[in-house]
Amino acid sequence: MIKQQSSNLIGTAFILLVASMIIGQYFQDLSFYINSQSFDVKSSQDIKQIKNNSDVRVFLPLDFEQSIGISFLSDREFILTPFKGSSLSLIYVTEGPIVVGTEKLLDSPVLGRTVKSDFADAWQVNGKSLKLKVIYQKQGFTLPDDAIVVYSAQKKMPSLWLSFIAFISLIYILWQVKSLFLFISSSIQSKKG
């Protein structure tokens, strides 16, 4: 009986965690879509003023000599290119290989969405979690704790699928909160009576 209850409690806590993450992702995407202001980065001093999940235009040149290419088993490739003078605190991430000669297409200003590391010490880029500290450590570099990634992202509403899942997640959380409230109030009533 106790084993069953603890298993139910762990399962519920896990589902609540996942539901919270889905809702957080939904509101993050929605706030990026709604935000109409763009922040200009013209010098390395401006990097510290960049906020997470904002729209930026970076006028610093890209340092292609410091680029690192990574690939995953899912056949996704990313190119990590720091901006000159940023000391790896501002990195531009492109998906797919950069063909020789196409670097000129990435001249400044570089437009994109910013992302800082999450609680798992990873940067979410186009739905892929990148462990940049580990990647740069393997290359012999130390990535600053406040490193920011810029990547090309369209301003669009969150998908209907994500909206639906976020709505269901919100309903589940509210139902669990109501169940907890009813449990607490019945426990208080039983102690009084």
Protein backbone atom coordinates (compact mmCIF):
# COMPACT_ATOMS: atom_id res chain seq x y z
CA MET A 1 0.00 0.00 0.00
CA ILE A 2 2.75 2.47 0.98
CA LYS A 3 4.82 1.38 -2.02
CA GLN A 4 1.83 2.05 -4.32
CA GLN A 5 1.26 5.51 -2.81
CA SER A 6 4.92 6.50 -3.10
CA SER A 7 4.95 5.29 -6.70
CA ASN A 8 1.85 7.39 -7.45
CA LEU A 9 3.42 10.39 -5.76
CA ILE A 10 6.65 10.07 -7.77
CA GLY A 11 4.68 9.66 -11.00
CA THR A 12 2.54 12.70 -10.25
CA ALA A 13 5.60 14.80 -9.37
CA PHE A 14 7.27 13.78 -12.65
CA ILE A 15 4.18 14.63 -14.71
CA LEU A 16 3.88 17.99 -12.91
CA LEU A 17 7.53 18.74 -13.71
CA VAL A 18 7.06 17.90 -17.40
CA ALA A 19 3.82 19.92 -17.54
CA SER A 20 5.57 22.92 -15.98
CA MET A 21 8.40 22.69 -18.51
CA ILE A 22 5.93 22.56 -21.42
CA ILE A 23 4.04 25.59 -20.12
CA GLY A 24 7.32 27.44 -19.60
CA GLN A 25 8.41 26.69 -23.18
CA TYR A 26 5.03 27.84 -24.51
CA PHE A 27 5.17 31.18 -22.69
CA GLN A 28 8.81 31.68 -23.69
CA ASP A 29 7.92 31.20 -27.37
CA LEU A 30 4.85 33.41 -27.00
CA SER A 31 6.81 36.24 -25.35
CA PHE A 32 9.43 36.11 -28.14
CA TYR A 33 6.64 36.38 -30.72
CA ILE A 34 4.94 39.30 -28.93
CA ASN A 35 8.13 41.27 -28.20
CA SER A 36 8.53 43.81 -30.99
CA GLN A 37 11.72 45.48 -29.75
CA SER A 38 15.15 44.54 -31.05
CA PHE A 39 18.34 45.13 -29.06
CA ASP A 40 21.45 46.33 -30.92
CA VAL A 41 24.87 44.99 -29.92
CA LYS A 42 27.53 47.33 -31.28
CA SER A 43 30.38 46.66 -28.83
CA SER A 44 31.49 43.99 -26.38
CA GLN A 45 30.16 46.16 -23.51
CA ASP A 46 26.62 45.74 -24.88
CA ILE A 47 26.78 41.96 -24.41
CA LYS A 48 26.13 42.20 -20.66
CA GLN A 49 22.84 44.02 -21.34
CA ILE A 50 21.38 41.26 -23.53
CA LYS A 51 18.40 39.52 -22.00
CA ASN A 52 17.37 35.93 -22.48
CA ASN A 53 14.82 35.22 -25.22
CA SER A 54 15.17 38.59 -26.92
CA ASP A 55 15.50 39.71 -30.52
CA VAL A 56 18.97 41.13 -31.27
CA ARG A 57 21.01 42.64 -34.06
CA VAL A 58 24.72 42.04 -33.51
CA PHE A 59 27.05 44.39 -35.37
CA LEU A 60 30.22 42.62 -34.18
CA PRO A 61 32.05 40.57 -36.84
CA LEU A 62 32.04 36.78 -36.59
CA ASP A 63 35.32 35.02 -35.81
CA PHE A 64 35.24 32.13 -38.31
CA GLU A 65 38.73 30.99 -37.29
CA GLN A 66 37.30 29.99 -33.89
CA SER A 67 34.29 28.11 -35.35
CA ILE A 68 33.51 24.65 -34.05
CA GLY A 69 31.34 22.14 -35.88
CA ILE A 70 29.34 19.54 -34.00
CA SER A 71 27.08 16.79 -35.26
CA PHE A 72 24.59 14.48 -33.60
CA LEU A 73 23.33 10.98 -34.28
CA SER A 74 20.08 12.56 -35.45
CA ASP A 75 22.00 13.91 -38.50
CA ARG A 76 21.79 17.47 -37.24
CA GLU A 77 24.88 19.64 -37.58
CA PHE A 78 25.58 22.92 -35.82
CA ILE A 79 28.34 25.45 -36.36
CA LEU A 80 29.32 27.48 -33.28
CA THR A 81 30.98 30.78 -34.20
CA PRO A 82 31.93 33.34 -31.55
CA PHE A 83 31.78 37.04 -32.23
CA LYS A 84 35.13 38.85 -32.29
CA GLY A 85 35.94 40.59 -29.02
CA SER A 86 33.29 38.68 -27.06
CA SER A 87 35.66 36.21 -25.32
CA LEU A 88 33.19 33.37 -26.05
CA SER A 89 30.43 35.18 -24.14
CA LEU A 90 28.41 35.67 -27.36
CA ILE A 91 28.21 32.83 -29.87
CA TYR A 92 26.29 32.57 -33.12
CA VAL A 93 24.88 29.11 -33.84
CA THR A 94 23.84 28.03 -37.31
CA GLU A 95 22.32 24.70 -38.19
CA GLY A 96 23.89 22.86 -41.07
CA PRO A 97 27.35 23.14 -42.56
CA ILE A 98 28.70 26.47 -43.79
CA VAL A 99 29.87 26.01 -47.34
CA VAL A 100 33.12 27.78 -48.28
CA GLY A 101 32.29 31.17 -49.70
CA THR A 102 28.93 31.55 -47.96
CA GLU A 103 30.47 33.23 -44.91
CA LYS A 104 29.82 36.57 -46.61
CA LEU A 105 26.10 35.95 -46.17
CA LEU A 106 26.69 36.16 -42.41
CA ASP A 107 28.15 39.67 -42.44
CA SER A 108 26.99 42.00 -39.72
CA PRO A 109 24.47 42.77 -38.53
CA VAL A 110 23.58 39.26 -37.52
CA LEU A 111 19.92 38.97 -36.57
CA GLY A 112 18.63 36.37 -34.15
CA ARG A 113 17.05 35.16 -30.96
CA THR A 114 19.09 34.96 -27.78
CA VAL A 115 19.17 32.10 -25.33
CA LYS A 116 21.04 31.66 -22.07
CA SER A 117 21.77 28.36 -20.35
CA ASP A 118 18.89 26.66 -18.58
CA PHE A 119 18.81 24.81 -15.25
CA ALA A 120 20.45 21.77 -16.88
CA ASP A 121 23.39 23.92 -18.05
CA ALA A 122 22.34 23.58 -21.68
CA TRP A 123 21.32 26.03 -24.40
CA GLN A 124 18.12 25.27 -26.34
CA VAL A 125 18.63 26.00 -30.05
CA ASN A 126 15.89 25.11 -32.54
CA GLY A 127 14.58 22.36 -30.30
CA LYS A 128 18.01 20.85 -29.63
CA SER A 129 19.72 20.96 -26.26
CA LEU A 130 23.39 21.93 -26.66
CA LYS A 131 25.84 21.32 -23.79
CA LEU A 132 28.22 24.07 -24.88
CA LYS A 133 30.45 23.98 -21.79
CA VAL A 134 31.28 20.32 -22.46
CA ILE A 135 31.80 20.98 -26.18
CA TYR A 136 34.18 23.86 -25.55
CA GLN A 137 36.03 21.99 -22.77
CA LYS A 138 36.82 19.24 -25.26
CA GLN A 139 38.33 21.94 -27.51
CA GLY A 140 40.41 23.33 -24.64
CA PHE A 141 38.33 26.46 -24.00
CA THR A 142 36.42 27.61 -20.94
CA LEU A 143 33.00 29.00 -21.69
CA PRO A 144 31.87 31.85 -19.40
CA ASP A 145 28.92 31.10 -17.12
CA ASP A 146 26.91 33.95 -18.63
CA ALA A 147 27.51 32.95 -22.26
CA ILE A 148 24.71 33.83 -24.65
CA VAL A 149 23.82 32.08 -27.88
CA VAL A 150 22.29 33.86 -30.85
CA TYR A 151 20.53 31.82 -33.52
CA SER A 152 18.30 32.57 -36.46
CA ALA A 153 14.65 32.18 -35.48
CA GLN A 154 11.44 33.25 -37.13
CA LYS A 155 8.98 35.30 -35.15
CA LYS A 156 5.94 33.10 -35.20
CA MET A 157 3.19 32.04 -32.85
CA PRO A 158 3.85 28.83 -30.93
CA SER A 159 2.59 25.85 -32.90
CA LEU A 160 -0.96 24.64 -32.39
CA TRP A 161 0.44 21.37 -31.09
CA LEU A 162 2.49 23.13 -28.39
CA SER A 163 -0.49 25.36 -27.56
CA PHE A 164 -2.72 22.30 -27.14
CA ILE A 165 -0.18 20.43 -24.98
CA ALA A 166 0.40 23.57 -22.85
CA PHE A 167 -3.37 23.94 -22.36
CA ILE A 168 -3.73 20.29 -21.31
CA SER A 169 -0.70 20.70 -18.99
CA LEU A 170 -2.26 23.76 -17.39
CA ILE A 171 -5.52 21.90 -16.82
CA TYR A 172 -3.61 19.00 -15.25
CA ILE A 173 -1.70 21.31 -12.90
CA LEU A 174 -4.90 23.10 -11.84
CA TRP A 175 -6.59 19.73 -11.25
CA GLN A 176 -3.67 18.58 -9.06
CA VAL A 177 -3.74 21.86 -7.10
CA LYS A 178 -7.49 21.43 -6.55
CA SER A 179 -6.95 17.81 -5.43
CA LEU A 180 -4.25 18.93 -3.00
CA PHE A 181 -6.49 21.68 -1.63
CA LEU A 182 -9.38 19.22 -1.14
CA PHE A 183 -7.03 16.73 0.56
CA ILE A 184 -5.72 19.40 2.95
CA SER A 185 -9.20 20.71 3.76
CA SER A 186 -10.54 17.17 4.39
CA SER A 187 -7.54 16.45 6.65
CA ILE A 188 -8.26 19.62 8.63
CA GLN A 189 -11.96 18.70 8.89
CA SER A 190 -11.18 15.18 10.10
CA LYS A 191 -8.86 16.53 12.80
CA LYS A 192 -11.57 18.94 14.00
CA GLY A 193 -14.28 16.31 14.00
